[in-house]
Amino acid sequence: MDFTGRVWGATAAEREAHYPCDGLLTVPYEGWTRAVEVAAPCATVFRWVRQLTIAPYSYDWIDFRGRKSPDRLTPEPAPLAVGQRFLVFDIVDFAADQHITGVLPEAPARRYGQMAVSYVVLPHGDACRLLVKVDSASRRPLIRRLQQRLLAWGDLVMMRKQLLTLKKYAERDAAAGVG
């Protein structure tokens, strides 16, 4: 069991793999990896990942100011674009049905440290793996290291809920032939 808040659901190989967000930060960083297996086609799972441009799919009362994240796919989503907002990140790269990668904008990065993220969908037999890699600036002073540990745990709690929610909706849609 990992007590650092850095890992949830990811295999050793997934923790060691290279992700599109790796190398985007200009400071030393540590990686946090979260993963879940989804019994749905990658295209369906990726379509739900795209929904993160409109809602967080975590604990809505915290992340979405009490509004409810939609439980159905929005029709005709806006095309992905570099610079587009993606949760708290700005998109810097993406590949259809594969990944969305973003970086934390400058203002929040001053408060929390530089961060980059990749949401990655990988085929896995008849299912797929939904992985999220977060690279977070490593800070040396004790107070900054404590802040980073708390941030990793908070991210883990919120992202676990998010990934399980996306899994539930993608599997529901796959079973119904939607998405």
N, C-alpha and C. Protein backbone atom coordinates (compact mmCIF):
# COMPACT_ATOMS: atom_id res chain seq x y z
N MET A 1 0.83 -1.19 0.00
CA MET A 1 0.00 0.00 0.00
C MET A 1 0.87 1.25 0.00
N ASP A 2 0.47 2.25 -0.77
CA ASP A 2 1.22 3.50 -0.87
C ASP A 2 0.63 4.54 0.07
N PHE A 3 1.41 4.99 1.04
CA PHE A 3 0.92 5.97 2.01
C PHE A 3 1.34 7.40 1.66
N THR A 4 1.91 7.59 0.47
CA THR A 4 2.36 8.92 0.07
C THR A 4 1.28 9.69 -0.69
N GLY A 5 0.23 8.98 -1.13
CA GLY A 5 -0.79 9.62 -1.95
C GLY A 5 -0.41 9.70 -3.41
N ARG A 6 0.70 9.08 -3.78
CA ARG A 6 1.19 9.18 -5.16
C ARG A 6 0.58 8.15 -6.11
N VAL A 7 0.03 7.06 -5.58
CA VAL A 7 -0.42 5.97 -6.45
C VAL A 7 -1.79 5.46 -6.03
N TRP A 8 -2.64 5.19 -7.03
CA TRP A 8 -3.89 4.47 -6.80
C TRP A 8 -4.23 3.69 -8.07
N GLY A 9 -4.35 2.40 -7.96
CA GLY A 9 -4.81 1.56 -9.05
C GLY A 9 -3.82 1.27 -10.16
N ALA A 10 -2.68 1.89 -10.15
CA ALA A 10 -1.70 1.73 -11.24
C ALA A 10 -0.77 0.56 -10.96
N THR A 11 -0.46 -0.17 -12.01
CA THR A 11 0.52 -1.26 -11.91
C THR A 11 1.94 -0.67 -11.85
N ALA A 12 2.89 -1.51 -11.51
CA ALA A 12 4.29 -1.06 -11.50
C ALA A 12 4.71 -0.56 -12.87
N ALA A 13 4.32 -1.28 -13.92
CA ALA A 13 4.67 -0.86 -15.29
C ALA A 13 4.04 0.48 -15.63
N GLU A 14 2.80 0.69 -15.20
CA GLU A 14 2.12 1.97 -15.47
C GLU A 14 2.78 3.11 -14.71
N ARG A 15 3.25 2.85 -13.52
CA ARG A 15 3.93 3.89 -12.73
C ARG A 15 5.25 4.28 -13.38
N GLU A 16 5.91 3.32 -14.04
CA GLU A 16 7.22 3.57 -14.65
C GLU A 16 7.14 4.07 -16.09
N ALA A 17 5.98 3.98 -16.71
CA ALA A 17 5.83 4.36 -18.12
C ALA A 17 6.03 5.86 -18.31
N HIS A 18 6.32 6.24 -19.54
CA HIS A 18 6.45 7.65 -19.92
C HIS A 18 5.09 8.15 -20.40
N TYR A 19 4.70 9.35 -19.97
CA TYR A 19 3.42 9.95 -20.34
C TYR A 19 3.66 11.30 -21.01
N PRO A 20 2.69 11.78 -21.78
CA PRO A 20 2.89 13.06 -22.49
C PRO A 20 3.22 14.24 -21.57
N CYS A 21 2.78 14.21 -20.30
CA CYS A 21 3.07 15.32 -19.39
C CYS A 21 4.50 15.30 -18.86
N ASP A 22 5.15 14.15 -18.95
CA ASP A 22 6.51 14.03 -18.41
C ASP A 22 7.45 14.94 -19.19
N GLY A 23 8.20 15.73 -18.46
CA GLY A 23 9.17 16.63 -19.08
C GLY A 23 8.64 18.01 -19.39
N LEU A 24 7.36 18.28 -19.09
CA LEU A 24 6.81 19.62 -19.37
C LEU A 24 7.18 20.65 -18.32
N LEU A 25 7.51 20.21 -17.11
CA LEU A 25 7.83 21.16 -16.04
C LEU A 25 9.28 21.62 -16.15
N THR A 26 9.52 22.84 -15.71
CA THR A 26 10.87 23.41 -15.77
C THR A 26 11.61 23.26 -14.44
N VAL A 27 11.02 22.52 -13.50
CA VAL A 27 11.61 22.29 -12.18
C VAL A 27 11.60 20.80 -11.89
N PRO A 28 12.37 20.33 -10.91
CA PRO A 28 12.28 18.92 -10.52
C PRO A 28 10.85 18.59 -10.08
N TYR A 29 10.42 17.37 -10.37
CA TYR A 29 9.04 17.01 -10.04
C TYR A 29 8.95 15.55 -9.64
N GLU A 30 7.83 15.23 -8.98
CA GLU A 30 7.49 13.85 -8.68
C GLU A 30 6.20 13.52 -9.41
N GLY A 31 6.00 12.22 -9.66
CA GLY A 31 4.82 11.80 -10.39
C GLY A 31 3.80 11.12 -9.50
N TRP A 32 2.54 11.39 -9.77
CA TRP A 32 1.42 10.71 -9.11
C TRP A 32 0.67 9.98 -10.21
N THR A 33 0.38 8.71 -10.01
CA THR A 33 -0.28 7.91 -11.04
C THR A 33 -1.55 7.29 -10.48
N ARG A 34 -2.64 7.47 -11.20
CA ARG A 34 -3.93 6.89 -10.83
C ARG A 34 -4.44 6.12 -12.04
N ALA A 35 -5.11 4.98 -11.81
CA ALA A 35 -5.58 4.18 -12.95
C ALA A 35 -6.79 3.34 -12.55
N VAL A 36 -7.59 3.05 -13.56
CA VAL A 36 -8.75 2.18 -13.38
C VAL A 36 -9.00 1.44 -14.69
N GLU A 37 -9.43 0.20 -14.58
CA GLU A 37 -9.81 -0.56 -15.77
C GLU A 37 -11.27 -0.30 -16.07
N VAL A 38 -11.58 -0.10 -17.35
CA VAL A 38 -12.94 0.21 -17.76
C VAL A 38 -13.37 -0.79 -18.83
N ALA A 39 -14.50 -1.44 -18.59
CA ALA A 39 -15.03 -2.43 -19.53
C ALA A 39 -15.85 -1.69 -20.60
N ALA A 40 -15.14 -0.96 -21.43
CA ALA A 40 -15.77 -0.18 -22.50
C ALA A 40 -14.71 0.10 -23.56
N PRO A 41 -15.14 0.37 -24.80
CA PRO A 41 -14.17 0.71 -25.84
C PRO A 41 -13.43 2.01 -25.50
N CYS A 42 -12.20 2.11 -25.95
CA CYS A 42 -11.39 3.31 -25.68
C CYS A 42 -12.07 4.58 -26.17
N ALA A 43 -12.73 4.52 -27.32
CA ALA A 43 -13.40 5.72 -27.85
C ALA A 43 -14.49 6.21 -26.90
N THR A 44 -15.22 5.29 -26.28
CA THR A 44 -16.27 5.67 -25.33
C THR A 44 -15.65 6.29 -24.08
N VAL A 45 -14.59 5.67 -23.58
CA VAL A 45 -13.92 6.20 -22.39
C VAL A 45 -13.33 7.57 -22.68
N PHE A 46 -12.69 7.72 -23.83
CA PHE A 46 -12.10 9.02 -24.17
C PHE A 46 -13.18 10.09 -24.30
N ARG A 47 -14.32 9.73 -24.84
CA ARG A 47 -15.42 10.69 -24.96
C ARG A 47 -15.84 11.19 -23.58
N TRP A 48 -15.82 10.30 -22.59
CA TRP A 48 -16.13 10.73 -21.22
C TRP A 48 -14.99 11.59 -20.65
N VAL A 49 -13.75 11.29 -21.00
CA VAL A 49 -12.65 12.14 -20.56
C VAL A 49 -12.84 13.55 -21.13
N ARG A 50 -13.29 13.65 -22.36
CA ARG A 50 -13.56 14.96 -22.97
C ARG A 50 -14.61 15.75 -22.18
N GLN A 51 -15.52 15.05 -21.52
CA GLN A 51 -16.54 15.72 -20.70
C GLN A 51 -15.90 16.54 -19.58
N LEU A 52 -14.65 16.23 -19.24
CA LEU A 52 -13.98 16.97 -18.18
C LEU A 52 -13.73 18.43 -18.57
N THR A 53 -13.96 18.77 -19.83
CA THR A 53 -13.86 20.18 -20.23
C THR A 53 -15.08 20.97 -19.76
N ILE A 54 -16.15 20.27 -19.34
CA ILE A 54 -17.36 20.98 -18.88
C ILE A 54 -17.72 20.73 -17.43
N ALA A 55 -17.23 19.64 -16.84
CA ALA A 55 -17.56 19.32 -15.45
C ALA A 55 -16.47 18.43 -14.86
N PRO A 56 -16.32 18.45 -13.52
CA PRO A 56 -15.22 17.70 -12.90
C PRO A 56 -15.51 16.22 -12.61
N TYR A 57 -16.76 15.82 -12.48
CA TYR A 57 -17.11 14.43 -12.20
C TYR A 57 -16.44 13.87 -10.96
N SER A 58 -16.27 14.70 -9.96
CA SER A 58 -15.71 14.27 -8.69
C SER A 58 -16.77 14.53 -7.62
N TYR A 59 -16.39 15.12 -6.53
CA TYR A 59 -17.36 15.51 -5.51
C TYR A 59 -17.87 16.89 -5.91
N ASP A 60 -19.02 16.91 -6.57
CA ASP A 60 -19.54 18.15 -7.14
C ASP A 60 -19.73 19.26 -6.10
N TRP A 61 -20.06 18.91 -4.90
CA TRP A 61 -20.28 19.92 -3.87
C TRP A 61 -18.99 20.67 -3.54
N ILE A 62 -17.85 20.07 -3.86
CA ILE A 62 -16.56 20.75 -3.66
C ILE A 62 -16.08 21.35 -4.98
N ASP A 63 -15.96 20.51 -6.01
CA ASP A 63 -15.34 20.90 -7.28
C ASP A 63 -16.24 21.69 -8.21
N PHE A 64 -17.55 21.60 -8.03
CA PHE A 64 -18.46 22.19 -9.01
C PHE A 64 -19.47 23.13 -8.35
N ARG A 65 -19.10 23.59 -7.16
CA ARG A 65 -19.93 24.54 -6.40
C ARG A 65 -21.38 24.07 -6.25
N GLY A 66 -21.53 22.77 -6.02
CA GLY A 66 -22.85 22.22 -5.76
C GLY A 66 -23.66 21.85 -6.98
N ARG A 67 -23.24 22.29 -8.17
CA ARG A 67 -23.95 21.87 -9.38
C ARG A 67 -23.63 20.41 -9.64
N LYS A 68 -24.51 19.72 -10.35
CA LYS A 68 -24.30 18.31 -10.64
C LYS A 68 -23.63 18.14 -12.01
N SER A 69 -22.57 17.35 -12.04
CA SER A 69 -21.94 17.01 -13.31
C SER A 69 -22.95 16.21 -14.14
N PRO A 70 -23.08 16.49 -15.44
CA PRO A 70 -24.06 15.78 -16.27
C PRO A 70 -23.79 14.27 -16.27
N ASP A 71 -24.87 13.49 -16.22
CA ASP A 71 -24.71 12.04 -16.24
C ASP A 71 -24.90 11.46 -17.64
N ARG A 72 -25.01 12.34 -18.63
CA ARG A 72 -25.11 11.93 -20.03
C ARG A 72 -24.09 12.76 -20.82
N LEU A 73 -23.62 12.18 -21.92
CA LEU A 73 -22.69 12.91 -22.78
C LEU A 73 -23.37 14.11 -23.41
N THR A 74 -22.66 15.22 -23.45
CA THR A 74 -23.21 16.39 -24.13
C THR A 74 -23.08 16.19 -25.63
N PRO A 75 -24.11 16.55 -26.38
CA PRO A 75 -24.01 16.37 -27.84
C PRO A 75 -23.02 17.36 -28.44
N GLU A 76 -22.31 16.90 -29.46
CA GLU A 76 -21.40 17.76 -30.23
C GLU A 76 -20.50 18.61 -29.34
N PRO A 77 -19.57 17.99 -28.65
CA PRO A 77 -18.66 18.79 -27.82
C PRO A 77 -17.78 19.68 -28.69
N ALA A 78 -17.35 20.79 -28.11
CA ALA A 78 -16.43 21.67 -28.82
C ALA A 78 -15.15 20.90 -29.12
N PRO A 79 -14.54 21.13 -30.28
CA PRO A 79 -13.28 20.45 -30.59
C PRO A 79 -12.22 20.79 -29.55
N LEU A 80 -11.37 19.83 -29.25
CA LEU A 80 -10.26 20.11 -28.34
C LEU A 80 -9.30 21.07 -29.02
N ALA A 81 -8.68 21.94 -28.21
CA ALA A 81 -7.75 22.91 -28.76
C ALA A 81 -6.67 23.23 -27.73
N VAL A 82 -5.47 23.43 -28.19
CA VAL A 82 -4.39 23.88 -27.31
C VAL A 82 -4.81 25.21 -26.70
N GLY A 83 -4.62 25.35 -25.39
CA GLY A 83 -5.01 26.55 -24.67
C GLY A 83 -6.39 26.46 -24.03
N GLN A 84 -7.18 25.48 -24.44
CA GLN A 84 -8.52 25.29 -23.89
C GLN A 84 -8.42 24.87 -22.42
N ARG A 85 -9.37 25.31 -21.60
CA ARG A 85 -9.40 24.94 -20.19
C ARG A 85 -9.83 23.48 -20.07
N PHE A 86 -9.14 22.75 -19.22
CA PHE A 86 -9.41 21.34 -18.95
C PHE A 86 -9.27 21.17 -17.45
N LEU A 87 -10.40 21.13 -16.74
CA LEU A 87 -10.41 21.15 -15.28
C LEU A 87 -9.69 22.43 -14.83
N VAL A 88 -8.59 22.32 -14.09
CA VAL A 88 -7.85 23.52 -13.67
C VAL A 88 -6.62 23.74 -14.55
N PHE A 89 -6.47 22.95 -15.58
CA PHE A 89 -5.30 23.00 -16.45
C PHE A 89 -5.64 23.65 -17.79
N ASP A 90 -4.60 24.05 -18.52
CA ASP A 90 -4.73 24.50 -19.90
C ASP A 90 -4.16 23.40 -20.78
N ILE A 91 -4.92 23.00 -21.80
CA ILE A 91 -4.46 21.93 -22.69
C ILE A 91 -3.23 22.38 -23.47
N VAL A 92 -2.20 21.53 -23.47
CA VAL A 92 -0.98 21.80 -24.26
C VAL A 92 -0.79 20.76 -25.37
N ASP A 93 -1.49 19.61 -25.26
CA ASP A 93 -1.36 18.56 -26.26
C ASP A 93 -2.53 17.60 -26.10
N PHE A 94 -2.90 16.94 -27.19
CA PHE A 94 -3.94 15.92 -27.14
C PHE A 94 -3.85 15.07 -28.39
N ALA A 95 -4.39 13.87 -28.31
CA ALA A 95 -4.51 12.97 -29.45
C ALA A 95 -5.84 12.27 -29.30
N ALA A 96 -6.68 12.36 -30.31
CA ALA A 96 -8.03 11.80 -30.25
C ALA A 96 -8.01 10.35 -29.81
N ASP A 97 -8.87 10.03 -28.88
CA ASP A 97 -9.04 8.69 -28.33
C ASP A 97 -7.82 8.16 -27.59
N GLN A 98 -6.83 9.02 -27.32
CA GLN A 98 -5.61 8.57 -26.64
C GLN A 98 -5.27 9.35 -25.38
N HIS A 99 -5.16 10.69 -25.49
CA HIS A 99 -4.77 11.45 -24.29
C HIS A 99 -5.16 12.92 -24.41
N ILE A 100 -5.28 13.54 -23.24
CA ILE A 100 -5.38 15.00 -23.12
C ILE A 100 -4.35 15.39 -22.07
N THR A 101 -3.50 16.35 -22.40
CA THR A 101 -2.41 16.77 -21.52
C THR A 101 -2.51 18.27 -21.29
N GLY A 102 -2.32 18.67 -20.04
CA GLY A 102 -2.40 20.09 -19.71
C GLY A 102 -1.39 20.49 -18.66
N VAL A 103 -1.23 21.79 -18.51
CA VAL A 103 -0.37 22.36 -17.46
C VAL A 103 -1.18 23.35 -16.64
N LEU A 104 -0.79 23.48 -15.39
CA LEU A 104 -1.43 24.44 -14.50
C LEU A 104 -1.03 25.85 -14.93
N PRO A 105 -2.01 26.75 -15.09
CA PRO A 105 -1.66 28.12 -15.47
C PRO A 105 -0.76 28.80 -14.42
N GLU A 106 -0.17 29.89 -14.83
CA GLU A 106 0.85 30.57 -14.01
C GLU A 106 0.35 30.98 -12.62
N ALA A 107 -0.82 31.59 -12.52
CA ALA A 107 -1.29 32.09 -11.22
C ALA A 107 -1.45 30.96 -10.20
N PRO A 108 -2.19 29.88 -10.50
CA PRO A 108 -2.27 28.81 -9.50
C PRO A 108 -0.94 28.09 -9.30
N ALA A 109 -0.08 28.07 -10.31
CA ALA A 109 1.23 27.42 -10.17
C ALA A 109 2.09 28.15 -9.15
N ARG A 110 1.91 29.46 -9.03
CA ARG A 110 2.66 30.21 -8.00
C ARG A 110 2.24 29.76 -6.61
N ARG A 111 0.98 29.38 -6.45
CA ARG A 111 0.47 28.97 -5.13
C ARG A 111 0.76 27.50 -4.83
N TYR A 112 0.54 26.63 -5.80
CA TYR A 112 0.64 25.19 -5.58
C TYR A 112 1.90 24.56 -6.15
N GLY A 113 2.64 25.29 -6.93
CA GLY A 113 3.80 24.74 -7.63
C GLY A 113 3.39 24.32 -9.04
N GLN A 114 4.39 24.20 -9.89
CA GLN A 114 4.11 23.79 -11.27
C GLN A 114 3.52 22.38 -11.28
N MET A 115 2.54 22.17 -12.16
CA MET A 115 1.93 20.86 -12.32
C MET A 115 1.59 20.63 -13.78
N ALA A 116 1.68 19.39 -14.20
CA ALA A 116 1.24 18.98 -15.53
C ALA A 116 0.46 17.68 -15.35
N VAL A 117 -0.47 17.42 -16.26
CA VAL A 117 -1.32 16.23 -16.16
C VAL A 117 -1.55 15.62 -17.53
N SER A 118 -1.65 14.30 -17.57
CA SER A 118 -2.09 13.60 -18.78
C SER A 118 -3.17 12.60 -18.39
N TYR A 119 -4.29 12.69 -19.06
CA TYR A 119 -5.35 11.67 -18.97
C TYR A 119 -5.15 10.80 -20.19
N VAL A 120 -4.87 9.52 -19.97
CA VAL A 120 -4.49 8.60 -21.04
C VAL A 120 -5.43 7.41 -21.07
N VAL A 121 -5.89 7.05 -22.27
CA VAL A 121 -6.75 5.89 -22.46
C VAL A 121 -5.97 4.88 -23.29
N LEU A 122 -5.78 3.67 -22.73
CA LEU A 122 -5.00 2.63 -23.40
C LEU A 122 -5.83 1.36 -23.56
N PRO A 123 -5.76 0.72 -24.74
CA PRO A 123 -6.45 -0.56 -24.91
C PRO A 123 -5.89 -1.60 -23.95
N HIS A 124 -6.77 -2.46 -23.45
CA HIS A 124 -6.35 -3.52 -22.53
C HIS A 124 -7.29 -4.70 -22.73
N GLY A 125 -6.96 -5.56 -23.67
CA GLY A 125 -7.85 -6.67 -24.02
C GLY A 125 -9.13 -6.13 -24.64
N ASP A 126 -10.27 -6.60 -24.15
CA ASP A 126 -11.57 -6.11 -24.63
C ASP A 126 -11.99 -4.82 -23.92
N ALA A 127 -11.20 -4.40 -22.96
CA ALA A 127 -11.50 -3.20 -22.18
C ALA A 127 -10.43 -2.15 -22.45
N CYS A 128 -10.28 -1.23 -21.53
CA CYS A 128 -9.18 -0.27 -21.63
C CYS A 128 -8.79 0.17 -20.24
N ARG A 129 -7.66 0.83 -20.17
CA ARG A 129 -7.18 1.41 -18.92
C ARG A 129 -7.27 2.92 -19.05
N LEU A 130 -7.84 3.54 -18.04
CA LEU A 130 -7.87 4.99 -17.95
C LEU A 130 -6.84 5.36 -16.89
N LEU A 131 -5.78 6.03 -17.34
CA LEU A 131 -4.69 6.41 -16.45
C LEU A 131 -4.57 7.93 -16.39
N VAL A 132 -4.19 8.39 -15.23
CA VAL A 132 -3.89 9.82 -15.07
C VAL A 132 -2.53 9.92 -14.43
N LYS A 133 -1.67 10.69 -15.06
CA LYS A 133 -0.35 10.97 -14.50
C LYS A 133 -0.30 12.46 -14.20
N VAL A 134 0.03 12.77 -12.96
CA VAL A 134 0.21 14.16 -12.55
C VAL A 134 1.67 14.33 -12.19
N ASP A 135 2.32 15.30 -12.77
CA ASP A 135 3.67 15.67 -12.38
C ASP A 135 3.56 16.94 -11.55
N SER A 136 4.11 16.89 -10.34
CA SER A 136 4.00 18.00 -9.39
C SER A 136 5.40 18.42 -8.95
N ALA A 137 5.64 19.72 -8.98
CA ALA A 137 6.95 20.25 -8.62
C ALA A 137 7.38 19.74 -7.25
N SER A 138 8.61 19.23 -7.18
CA SER A 138 9.18 18.81 -5.90
C SER A 138 9.72 20.05 -5.20
N ARG A 139 9.41 20.15 -3.95
CA ARG A 139 9.87 21.31 -3.19
C ARG A 139 10.72 20.82 -2.03
N ARG A 140 11.78 21.50 -1.77
CA ARG A 140 12.72 21.03 -0.76
C ARG A 140 12.41 21.48 0.67
N PRO A 141 12.05 22.73 0.95
CA PRO A 141 11.82 23.09 2.36
C PRO A 141 10.70 22.22 2.97
N LEU A 142 10.82 21.92 4.25
CA LEU A 142 9.89 21.02 4.93
C LEU A 142 8.44 21.44 4.74
N ILE A 143 8.13 22.70 4.89
CA ILE A 143 6.74 23.15 4.77
C ILE A 143 6.20 22.88 3.36
N ARG A 144 7.03 23.03 2.35
CA ARG A 144 6.61 22.76 0.97
C ARG A 144 6.42 21.26 0.73
N ARG A 145 7.26 20.44 1.35
CA ARG A 145 7.09 18.99 1.21
C ARG A 145 5.79 18.54 1.88
N LEU A 146 5.46 19.12 3.03
CA LEU A 146 4.20 18.80 3.70
C LEU A 146 3.01 19.24 2.86
N GLN A 147 3.12 20.44 2.28
CA GLN A 147 2.06 20.94 1.41
C GLN A 147 1.86 19.99 0.22
N GLN A 148 2.94 19.51 -0.34
CA GLN A 148 2.86 18.61 -1.49
C GLN A 148 2.21 17.29 -1.10
N ARG A 149 2.54 16.75 0.08
CA ARG A 149 1.91 15.49 0.53
C ARG A 149 0.41 15.68 0.70
N LEU A 150 0.00 16.80 1.30
CA LEU A 150 -1.43 17.07 1.47
C LEU A 150 -2.12 17.23 0.12
N LEU A 151 -1.46 17.90 -0.79
CA LEU A 151 -2.01 18.07 -2.14
C LEU A 151 -2.14 16.72 -2.84
N ALA A 152 -1.15 15.86 -2.69
CA ALA A 152 -1.21 14.52 -3.31
C ALA A 152 -2.38 13.72 -2.75
N TRP A 153 -2.58 13.76 -1.44
CA TRP A 153 -3.70 13.03 -0.84
C TRP A 153 -5.04 13.62 -1.25
N GLY A 154 -5.14 14.94 -1.26
CA GLY A 154 -6.39 15.58 -1.70
C GLY A 154 -6.70 15.23 -3.15
N ASP A 155 -5.68 15.27 -4.00
CA ASP A 155 -5.85 14.91 -5.39
C ASP A 155 -6.29 13.46 -5.52
N LEU A 156 -5.70 12.58 -4.74
CA LEU A 156 -6.04 11.16 -4.78
C LEU A 156 -7.52 10.95 -4.44
N VAL A 157 -7.99 11.57 -3.40
CA VAL A 157 -9.39 11.41 -2.99
C VAL A 157 -10.33 11.89 -4.10
N MET A 158 -10.05 13.07 -4.63
CA MET A 158 -10.92 13.64 -5.66
C MET A 158 -10.82 12.86 -6.97
N MET A 159 -9.61 12.49 -7.37
CA MET A 159 -9.44 11.82 -8.66
C MET A 159 -9.95 10.38 -8.62
N ARG A 160 -9.85 9.73 -7.48
CA ARG A 160 -10.42 8.38 -7.36
C ARG A 160 -11.92 8.44 -7.66
N LYS A 161 -12.60 9.38 -7.04
CA LYS A 161 -14.04 9.55 -7.28
C LYS A 161 -14.29 9.86 -8.75
N GLN A 162 -13.50 10.75 -9.32
CA GLN A 162 -13.65 11.13 -10.72
C GLN A 162 -13.49 9.93 -11.65
N LEU A 163 -12.42 9.17 -11.47
CA LEU A 163 -12.17 8.02 -12.35
C LEU A 163 -13.25 6.95 -12.21
N LEU A 164 -13.70 6.71 -10.99
CA LEU A 164 -14.77 5.72 -10.79
C LEU A 164 -16.09 6.20 -11.40
N THR A 165 -16.34 7.49 -11.37
CA THR A 165 -17.55 8.03 -12.00
C THR A 165 -17.47 7.89 -13.51
N LEU A 166 -16.34 8.25 -14.11
CA LEU A 166 -16.17 8.10 -15.56
C LEU A 166 -16.29 6.63 -15.96
N LYS A 167 -15.72 5.74 -15.17
CA LYS A 167 -15.82 4.29 -15.43
C LYS A 167 -17.28 3.87 -15.44
N LYS A 168 -18.03 4.28 -14.43
CA LYS A 168 -19.44 3.90 -14.32
C LYS A 168 -20.24 4.35 -15.55
N TYR A 169 -20.05 5.60 -15.95
CA TYR A 169 -20.80 6.13 -17.09
C TYR A 169 -20.36 5.50 -18.41
N ALA A 170 -19.06 5.29 -18.59
CA ALA A 170 -18.57 4.69 -19.83
C ALA A 170 -19.05 3.24 -19.95
N GLU A 171 -19.00 2.50 -18.86
CA GLU A 171 -19.47 1.11 -18.91
C GLU A 171 -20.98 1.04 -19.14
N ARG A 172 -21.74 1.95 -18.53
CA ARG A 172 -23.17 2.01 -18.76
C ARG A 172 -23.46 2.28 -20.24
N ASP A 173 -22.75 3.28 -20.80
CA ASP A 173 -22.98 3.64 -22.21
C ASP A 173 -22.55 2.53 -23.15
N ALA A 174 -21.45 1.86 -22.84
CA ALA A 174 -20.98 0.76 -23.69
C ALA A 174 -22.01 -0.38 -23.69
N ALA A 175 -22.56 -0.69 -22.53
CA ALA A 175 -23.56 -1.76 -22.44
C ALA A 175 -24.83 -1.40 -23.22
N ALA A 176 -25.14 -0.09 -23.27
CA ALA A 176 -26.34 0.38 -23.98
C ALA A 176 -26.06 0.70 -25.45
N GLY A 177 -24.81 0.60 -25.86
CA GLY A 177 -24.45 0.92 -27.24
C GLY A 177 -24.43 2.41 -27.54
N VAL A 178 -24.18 3.23 -26.51
CA VAL A 178 -24.13 4.69 -26.65
C VAL A 178 -22.67 5.13 -26.56
N GLY A 179 -22.33 6.26 -27.18
CA GLY A 179 -21.01 6.85 -26.99
C GLY A 179 -20.10 6.55 -28.14
